[in-house]
């Protein structure tokens, strides 16, 4: 398994890609989308079956990115829009 620094290199934030949302490097798949799939109960393998160009490390990187962001940002209540 890659170390955290290497995993986080898999996440790209570029204002020209998906309006700056964090995505998996080399794709237009937002971290948010992967997190929602996991929250819906999909396994890593199910996600990889649906997105064969992704790797287990890409999904792990999305989780790590989310953990790092939520660990640094001030928390606010979530509203459903």
PDB file of N, CA and C in Angstrom:
ATOM      1  N   UNK A   1       0.850  -1.182   0.000  1.00  0.00           N
ATOM      2  CA  UNK A   1       0.000   0.000   0.000  1.00  0.00           C
ATOM      3  C   UNK A   1       0.893   1.241   0.000  1.00  0.00           C
ATOM      4  N   UNK A   2       0.485   2.221  -0.765  1.00  0.00           N
ATOM      5  CA  UNK A   2       1.234   3.476  -0.841  1.00  0.00           C
ATOM      6  C   UNK A   2       1.111   4.241   0.473  1.00  0.00           C
ATOM      7  N   UNK A   3       2.108   5.088   0.762  1.00  0.00           N
ATOM      8  CA  UNK A   3       1.983   5.921   1.943  1.00  0.00           C
ATOM      9  C   UNK A   3       1.005   7.062   1.654  1.00  0.00           C
ATOM     10  N   UNK A   4       0.627   7.790   2.699  1.00  0.00           N
ATOM     11  CA  UNK A   4      -0.399   8.826   2.556  1.00  0.00           C
ATOM     12  C   UNK A   4      -0.032   9.877   1.515  1.00  0.00           C
ATOM     13  N   UNK A   5       1.213  10.291   1.512  1.00  0.00           N
ATOM     14  CA  UNK A   5       1.641  11.319   0.559  1.00  0.00           C
ATOM     15  C   UNK A   5       1.437  10.853  -0.880  1.00  0.00           C
ATOM     16  N   UNK A   6       1.818   9.618  -1.154  1.00  0.00           N
ATOM     17  CA  UNK A   6       1.650   9.078  -2.507  1.00  0.00           C
ATOM     18  C   UNK A   6       0.174   8.916  -2.857  1.00  0.00           C
ATOM     19  N   UNK A   7      -0.619   8.450  -1.898  1.00  0.00           N
ATOM     20  CA  UNK A   7      -2.057   8.302  -2.154  1.00  0.00           C
ATOM     21  C   UNK A   7      -2.689   9.645  -2.503  1.00  0.00           C
ATOM     22  N   UNK A   8      -2.329  10.682  -1.760  1.00  0.00           N
ATOM     23  CA  UNK A   8      -2.942  11.989  -1.995  1.00  0.00           C
ATOM     24  C   UNK A   8      -2.549  12.589  -3.343  1.00  0.00           C
ATOM     25  N   UNK A   9      -1.462  12.128  -3.933  1.00  0.00           N
ATOM     26  CA  UNK A   9      -1.090  12.586  -5.276  1.00  0.00           C
ATOM     27  C   UNK A   9      -2.090  12.102  -6.322  1.00  0.00           C
ATOM     28  N   UNK A  10      -2.914  11.125  -5.963  1.00  0.00           N
ATOM     29  CA  UNK A  10      -3.939  10.610  -6.875  1.00  0.00           C
ATOM     30  C   UNK A  10      -5.141  11.552  -6.970  1.00  0.00           C
ATOM     31  N   UNK A  11      -5.219  12.531  -6.063  1.00  0.00           N
ATOM     32  CA  UNK A  11      -6.331  13.478  -6.051  1.00  0.00           C
ATOM     33  C   UNK A  11      -5.854  14.792  -6.660  1.00  0.00           C
ATOM     34  N   UNK A  12      -6.634  15.296  -7.612  1.00  0.00           N
ATOM     35  CA  UNK A  12      -6.278  16.534  -8.309  1.00  0.00           C
ATOM     36  C   UNK A  12      -7.387  17.559  -8.093  1.00  0.00           C
ATOM     37  N   UNK A  13      -6.971  18.787  -7.797  1.00  0.00           N
ATOM     38  CA  UNK A  13      -7.912  19.901  -7.711  1.00  0.00           C
ATOM     39  C   UNK A  13      -7.445  20.930  -8.728  1.00  0.00           C
ATOM     40  N   UNK A  14      -8.238  21.101  -9.772  1.00  0.00           N
ATOM     41  CA  UNK A  14      -7.888  21.995 -10.876  1.00  0.00           C
ATOM     42  C   UNK A  14      -9.153  22.725 -11.296  1.00  0.00           C
ATOM     43  N   UNK A  15      -9.141  24.062 -11.264  1.00  0.00           N
ATOM     44  CA  UNK A  15     -10.354  24.802 -11.617  1.00  0.00           C
ATOM     45  C   UNK A  15     -10.868  24.508 -13.028  1.00  0.00           C
ATOM     46  N   UNK A  16     -10.028  23.938 -13.887  1.00  0.00           N
ATOM     47  CA  UNK A  16     -10.452  23.621 -15.253  1.00  0.00           C
ATOM     48  C   UNK A  16     -11.075  22.228 -15.371  1.00  0.00           C
ATOM     49  N   UNK A  17     -11.046  21.465 -14.284  1.00  0.00           N
ATOM     50  CA  UNK A  17     -11.623  20.116 -14.287  1.00  0.00           C
ATOM     51  C   UNK A  17     -12.735  20.069 -13.246  1.00  0.00           C
ATOM     52  N   UNK A  18     -13.950  19.812 -13.684  1.00  0.00           N
ATOM     53  CA  UNK A  18     -15.109  19.692 -12.795  1.00  0.00           C
ATOM     54  C   UNK A  18     -15.235  20.902 -11.863  1.00  0.00           C
ATOM     55  N   UNK A  19     -14.997  22.076 -12.411  1.00  0.00           N
ATOM     56  CA  UNK A  19     -15.068  23.354 -11.681  1.00  0.00           C
ATOM     57  C   UNK A  19     -14.275  23.354 -10.375  1.00  0.00           C
ATOM     58  N   UNK A  20     -13.165  22.642 -10.373  1.00  0.00           N
ATOM     59  CA  UNK A  20     -12.278  22.665  -9.218  1.00  0.00           C
ATOM     60  C   UNK A  20     -12.586  21.658  -8.135  1.00  0.00           C
ATOM     61  N   UNK A  21     -13.571  20.799  -8.365  1.00  0.00           N
ATOM     62  CA  UNK A  21     -13.845  19.763  -7.365  1.00  0.00           C
ATOM     63  C   UNK A  21     -12.703  18.752  -7.380  1.00  0.00           C
ATOM     64  N   UNK A  22     -12.375  18.184  -6.226  1.00  0.00           N
ATOM     65  CA  UNK A  22     -11.320  17.167  -6.213  1.00  0.00           C
ATOM     66  C   UNK A  22     -11.762  15.928  -6.987  1.00  0.00           C
ATOM     67  N   UNK A  23     -10.895  15.473  -7.883  1.00  0.00           N
ATOM     68  CA  UNK A  23     -11.178  14.301  -8.718  1.00  0.00           C
ATOM     69  C   UNK A  23     -10.003  13.335  -8.640  1.00  0.00           C
ATOM     70  N   UNK A  24     -10.256  12.111  -9.077  1.00  0.00           N
ATOM     71  CA  UNK A  24      -9.185  11.131  -9.191  1.00  0.00           C
ATOM     72  C   UNK A  24      -8.329  11.512 -10.398  1.00  0.00           C
ATOM     73  N   UNK A  25      -7.025  11.582 -10.199  1.00  0.00           N
ATOM     74  CA  UNK A  25      -6.074  11.975 -11.249  1.00  0.00           C
ATOM     75  C   UNK A  25      -6.335  11.188 -12.534  1.00  0.00           C
ATOM     76  N   UNK A  26      -6.364  11.909 -13.654  1.00  0.00           N
ATOM     77  CA  UNK A  26      -6.551  11.283 -14.959  1.00  0.00           C
ATOM     78  C   UNK A  26      -7.993  10.952 -15.289  1.00  0.00           C
ATOM     79  N   UNK A  27      -8.920  11.369 -14.413  1.00  0.00           N
ATOM     80  CA  UNK A  27     -10.343  11.110 -14.649  1.00  0.00           C
ATOM     81  C   UNK A  27     -11.142  12.379 -14.380  1.00  0.00           C
ATOM     82  N   UNK A  28     -12.425  12.273 -14.594  1.00  0.00           N
ATOM     83  CA  UNK A  28     -13.347  13.334 -14.199  1.00  0.00           C
ATOM     84  C   UNK A  28     -14.283  12.793 -13.116  1.00  0.00           C
ATOM     85  N   UNK A  29     -13.798  11.822 -12.367  1.00  0.00           N
ATOM     86  CA  UNK A  29     -14.600  11.216 -11.300  1.00  0.00           C
ATOM     87  C   UNK A  29     -14.314  11.961  -9.993  1.00  0.00           C
ATOM     88  N   UNK A  30     -15.314  12.689  -9.492  1.00  0.00           N
ATOM     89  CA  UNK A  30     -15.108  13.439  -8.252  1.00  0.00           C
ATOM     90  C   UNK A  30     -14.970  12.523  -7.034  1.00  0.00           C
ATOM     91  N   UNK A  31     -14.163  12.951  -6.101  1.00  0.00           N
ATOM     92  CA  UNK A  31     -14.038  12.264  -4.819  1.00  0.00           C
ATOM     93  C   UNK A  31     -15.425  12.115  -4.199  1.00  0.00           C
ATOM     94  N   UNK A  32     -16.215  13.161  -4.279  1.00  0.00           N
ATOM     95  CA  UNK A  32     -17.571  13.148  -3.718  1.00  0.00           C
ATOM     96  C   UNK A  32     -18.382  11.966  -4.249  1.00  0.00           C
ATOM     97  N   UNK A  33     -18.272  11.686  -5.527  1.00  0.00           N
ATOM     98  CA  UNK A  33     -19.035  10.588  -6.127  1.00  0.00           C
ATOM     99  C   UNK A  33     -18.629   9.247  -5.515  1.00  0.00           C
ATOM    100  N   UNK A  34     -17.335   9.037  -5.361  1.00  0.00           N
ATOM    101  CA  UNK A  34     -16.872   7.784  -4.763  1.00  0.00           C
ATOM    102  C   UNK A  34     -17.343   7.663  -3.316  1.00  0.00           C
ATOM    103  N   UNK A  35     -17.314   8.764  -2.585  1.00  0.00           N
ATOM    104  CA  UNK A  35     -17.777   8.735  -1.200  1.00  0.00           C
ATOM    105  C   UNK A  35     -19.261   8.401  -1.126  1.00  0.00           C
ATOM    106  N   UNK A  36     -20.035   8.956  -2.045  1.00  0.00           N
ATOM    107  CA  UNK A  36     -21.474   8.650  -2.062  1.00  0.00           C
ATOM    108  C   UNK A  36     -21.722   7.176  -2.381  1.00  0.00           C
ATOM    109  N   UNK A  37     -20.967   6.630  -3.312  1.00  0.00           N
ATOM    110  CA  UNK A  37     -21.117   5.207  -3.635  1.00  0.00           C
ATOM    111  C   UNK A  37     -20.809   4.340  -2.418  1.00  0.00           C
ATOM    112  N   UNK A  38     -19.750   4.683  -1.714  1.00  0.00           N
ATOM    113  CA  UNK A  38     -19.402   3.934  -0.503  1.00  0.00           C
ATOM    114  C   UNK A  38     -20.484   4.098   0.565  1.00  0.00           C
ATOM    115  N   UNK A  39     -21.019   5.311   0.699  1.00  0.00           N
ATOM    116  CA  UNK A  39     -22.082   5.559   1.678  1.00  0.00           C
ATOM    117  C   UNK A  39     -23.350   4.778   1.344  1.00  0.00           C
ATOM    118  N   UNK A  40     -23.559   4.521   0.060  1.00  0.00           N
ATOM    119  CA  UNK A  40     -24.719   3.732  -0.367  1.00  0.00           C
ATOM    120  C   UNK A  40     -24.516   2.243  -0.119  1.00  0.00           C
ATOM    121  N   UNK A  41     -23.321   1.874   0.304  1.00  0.00           N
ATOM    122  CA  UNK A  41     -23.055   0.487   0.643  1.00  0.00           C
ATOM    123  C   UNK A  41     -22.291  -0.304  -0.398  1.00  0.00           C
ATOM    124  N   UNK A  42     -21.885   0.342  -1.498  1.00  0.00           N
ATOM    125  CA  UNK A  42     -21.095  -0.380  -2.493  1.00  0.00           C
ATOM    126  C   UNK A  42     -19.731  -0.732  -1.907  1.00  0.00           C
ATOM    127  N   UNK A  43     -19.232  -1.880  -2.289  1.00  0.00           N
ATOM    128  CA  UNK A  43     -17.896  -2.291  -1.861  1.00  0.00           C
ATOM    129  C   UNK A  43     -16.862  -1.729  -2.834  1.00  0.00           C
ATOM    130  N   UNK A  44     -15.605  -1.783  -2.423  1.00  0.00           N
ATOM    131  CA  UNK A  44     -14.537  -1.385  -3.337  1.00  0.00           C
ATOM    132  C   UNK A  44     -14.666  -2.172  -4.636  1.00  0.00           C
ATOM    133  N   UNK A  45     -14.878  -3.476  -4.515  1.00  0.00           N
ATOM    134  CA  UNK A  45     -14.923  -4.319  -5.710  1.00  0.00           C
ATOM    135  C   UNK A  45     -16.074  -3.931  -6.629  1.00  0.00           C
ATOM    136  N   UNK A  46     -17.230  -3.603  -6.065  1.00  0.00           N
ATOM    137  CA  UNK A  46     -18.364  -3.187  -6.902  1.00  0.00           C
ATOM    138  C   UNK A  46     -18.050  -1.891  -7.643  1.00  0.00           C
ATOM    139  N   UNK A  47     -17.388  -0.976  -6.965  1.00  0.00           N
ATOM    140  CA  UNK A  47     -16.999   0.282  -7.615  1.00  0.00           C
ATOM    141  C   UNK A  47     -15.980  -0.001  -8.716  1.00  0.00           C
ATOM    142  N   UNK A  48     -15.015  -0.845  -8.431  1.00  0.00           N
ATOM    143  CA  UNK A  48     -14.003  -1.184  -9.438  1.00  0.00           C
ATOM    144  C   UNK A  48     -14.622  -1.902 -10.631  1.00  0.00           C
ATOM    145  N   UNK A  49     -15.645  -2.704 -10.396  1.00  0.00           N
ATOM    146  CA  UNK A  49     -16.341  -3.370 -11.502  1.00  0.00           C
ATOM    147  C   UNK A  49     -17.052  -2.351 -12.389  1.00  0.00           C
ATOM    148  N   UNK A  50     -17.634  -1.316 -11.761  1.00  0.00           N
ATOM    149  CA  UNK A  50     -18.346  -0.275 -12.512  1.00  0.00           C
ATOM    150  C   UNK A  50     -17.395   0.726 -13.171  1.00  0.00           C
ATOM    151  N   UNK A  51     -16.229   0.907 -12.580  1.00  0.00           N
ATOM    152  CA  UNK A  51     -15.229   1.862 -13.077  1.00  0.00           C
ATOM    153  C   UNK A  51     -13.891   1.130 -13.202  1.00  0.00           C
ATOM    154  N   UNK A  52     -13.741   0.285 -14.213  1.00  0.00           N
ATOM    155  CA  UNK A  52     -12.549  -0.572 -14.308  1.00  0.00           C
ATOM    156  C   UNK A  52     -11.227   0.183 -14.452  1.00  0.00           C
ATOM    157  N   UNK A  53     -11.272   1.455 -14.819  1.00  0.00           N
ATOM    158  CA  UNK A  53     -10.028   2.224 -14.939  1.00  0.00           C
ATOM    159  C   UNK A  53      -9.546   2.745 -13.582  1.00  0.00           C
ATOM    160  N   UNK A  54     -10.372   2.596 -12.531  1.00  0.00           N
ATOM    161  CA  UNK A  54      -9.943   2.977 -11.189  1.00  0.00           C
ATOM    162  C   UNK A  54      -9.209   1.814 -10.529  1.00  0.00           C
ATOM    163  N   UNK A  55      -8.486   2.141  -9.472  1.00  0.00           N
ATOM    164  CA  UNK A  55      -7.794   1.121  -8.685  1.00  0.00           C
ATOM    165  C   UNK A  55      -8.251   1.224  -7.229  1.00  0.00           C
ATOM    166  N   UNK A  56      -7.935   0.193  -6.482  1.00  0.00           N
ATOM    167  CA  UNK A  56      -8.234   0.203  -5.048  1.00  0.00           C
ATOM    168  C   UNK A  56      -7.565   1.412  -4.388  1.00  0.00           C
ATOM    169  N   UNK A  57      -6.369   1.732  -4.834  1.00  0.00           N
ATOM    170  CA  UNK A  57      -5.644   2.876  -4.272  1.00  0.00           C
ATOM    171  C   UNK A  57      -6.358   4.195  -4.559  1.00  0.00           C
ATOM    172  N   UNK A  58      -7.025   4.308  -5.710  1.00  0.00           N
ATOM    173  CA  UNK A  58      -7.786   5.521  -6.015  1.00  0.00           C
ATOM    174  C   UNK A  58      -8.916   5.718  -5.006  1.00  0.00           C
ATOM    175  N   UNK A  59      -9.617   4.640  -4.690  1.00  0.00           N
ATOM    176  CA  UNK A  59     -10.724   4.730  -3.734  1.00  0.00           C
ATOM    177  C   UNK A  59     -10.183   5.038  -2.339  1.00  0.00           C
ATOM    178  N   UNK A  60      -9.098   4.391  -1.977  1.00  0.00           N
ATOM    179  CA  UNK A  60      -8.464   4.660  -0.686  1.00  0.00           C
ATOM    180  C   UNK A  60      -8.017   6.111  -0.612  1.00  0.00           C
ATOM    181  N   UNK A  61      -7.493   6.638  -1.712  1.00  0.00           N
ATOM    182  CA  UNK A  61      -7.068   8.039  -1.755  1.00  0.00           C
ATOM    183  C   UNK A  61      -8.254   8.971  -1.538  1.00  0.00           C
ATOM    184  N   UNK A  62      -9.406   8.642  -2.112  1.00  0.00           N
ATOM    185  CA  UNK A  62     -10.607   9.462  -1.918  1.00  0.00           C
ATOM    186  C   UNK A  62     -11.006   9.487  -0.444  1.00  0.00           C
ATOM    187  N   UNK A  63     -10.950   8.339   0.206  1.00  0.00           N
ATOM    188  CA  UNK A  63     -11.275   8.278   1.634  1.00  0.00           C
ATOM    189  C   UNK A  63     -10.266   9.068   2.464  1.00  0.00           C
ATOM    190  N   UNK A  64      -9.002   8.928   2.141  1.00  0.00           N
ATOM    191  CA  UNK A  64      -7.962   9.655   2.862  1.00  0.00           C
ATOM    192  C   UNK A  64      -8.128  11.155   2.669  1.00  0.00           C
ATOM    193  N   UNK A  65      -8.402  11.580   1.442  1.00  0.00           N
ATOM    194  CA  UNK A  65      -8.614  13.000   1.163  1.00  0.00           C
ATOM    195  C   UNK A  65      -9.772  13.535   2.007  1.00  0.00           C
ATOM    196  N   UNK A  66     -10.878  12.800   2.042  1.00  0.00           N
ATOM    197  CA  UNK A  66     -12.041  13.223   2.828  1.00  0.00           C
ATOM    198  C   UNK A  66     -11.684  13.313   4.314  1.00  0.00           C
ATOM    199  N   UNK A  67     -10.918  12.352   4.800  1.00  0.00           N
ATOM    200  CA  UNK A  67     -10.508  12.367   6.205  1.00  0.00           C
ATOM    201  C   UNK A  67      -9.641  13.587   6.503  1.00  0.00           C
ATOM    202  N   UNK A  68      -8.720  13.887   5.602  1.00  0.00           N
ATOM    203  CA  UNK A  68      -7.838  15.040   5.803  1.00  0.00           C
ATOM    204  C   UNK A  68      -8.630  16.347   5.779  1.00  0.00           C
ATOM    205  N   UNK A  69      -9.553  16.477   4.836  1.00  0.00           N
ATOM    206  CA  UNK A  69     -10.349  17.705   4.717  1.00  0.00           C
ATOM    207  C   UNK A  69     -11.233  17.894   5.941  1.00  0.00           C
ATOM    208  N   UNK A  70     -11.937  16.854   6.346  1.00  0.00           N
ATOM    209  CA  UNK A  70     -12.838  16.994   7.491  1.00  0.00           C
ATOM    210  C   UNK A  70     -12.068  17.163   8.790  1.00  0.00           C
ATOM    211  N   UNK A  71     -10.841  16.734   8.816  1.00  0.00           N
ATOM    212  CA  UNK A  71     -10.018  16.920  10.001  1.00  0.00           C
ATOM    213  C   UNK A  71      -9.477  18.331  10.134  1.00  0.00           C
ATOM    214  N   UNK A  72      -9.469  19.089   9.048  1.00  0.00           N
ATOM    215  CA  UNK A  72      -8.897  20.437   9.060  1.00  0.00           C
ATOM    216  C   UNK A  72      -9.939  21.546   9.022  1.00  0.00           C
ATOM    217  N   UNK A  73     -11.082  21.270   8.468  1.00  0.00           N
ATOM    218  CA  UNK A  73     -12.088  22.304   8.271  1.00  0.00           C
ATOM    219  C   UNK A  73     -13.011  22.415   9.473  1.00  0.00           C
ATOM    220  N   UNK A  74     -13.536  23.623   9.650  1.00  0.00           N
ATOM    221  CA  UNK A  74     -14.565  23.825  10.655  1.00  0.00           C
ATOM    222  C   UNK A  74     -15.811  23.079  10.197  1.00  0.00           C
ATOM    223  N   UNK A  75     -16.458  22.404  11.101  1.00  0.00           N
ATOM    224  CA  UNK A  75     -17.629  21.595  10.740  1.00  0.00           C
ATOM    225  C   UNK A  75     -18.904  22.430  10.796  1.00  0.00           C
ATOM    226  N   UNK A  76     -19.777  22.175   9.859  1.00  0.00           N
ATOM    227  CA  UNK A  76     -21.082  22.826   9.792  1.00  0.00           C
ATOM    228  C   UNK A  76     -22.140  21.750   9.633  1.00  0.00           C
ATOM    229  N   UNK A  77     -23.363  22.025  10.110  1.00  0.00           N
ATOM    230  CA  UNK A  77     -24.439  21.056   9.891  1.00  0.00           C
ATOM    231  C   UNK A  77     -24.679  20.858   8.397  1.00  0.00           C
ATOM    232  N   UNK A  78     -25.035  19.652   8.018  1.00  0.00           N
ATOM    233  CA  UNK A  78     -25.319  19.335   6.620  1.00  0.00           C
ATOM    234  C   UNK A  78     -26.783  19.635   6.343  1.00  0.00           C
ATOM    235  N   UNK A  79     -27.029  20.326   5.236  1.00  0.00           N
ATOM    236  CA  UNK A  79     -28.406  20.574   4.814  1.00  0.00           C
ATOM    237  C   UNK A  79     -28.644  19.832   3.517  1.00  0.00           C
ATOM    238  N   UNK A  80     -29.836  19.343   3.352  1.00  0.00           N
ATOM    239  CA  UNK A  80     -30.191  18.638   2.122  1.00  0.00           C
ATOM    240  C   UNK A  80     -30.837  19.629   1.174  1.00  0.00           C
ATOM    241  N   UNK A  81     -30.236  19.784   0.027  1.00  0.00           N
ATOM    242  CA  UNK A  81     -30.773  20.728  -0.966  1.00  0.00           C
ATOM    243  C   UNK A  81     -31.234  20.002  -2.184  1.00  0.00           C
TER     244      UNK A  81
END
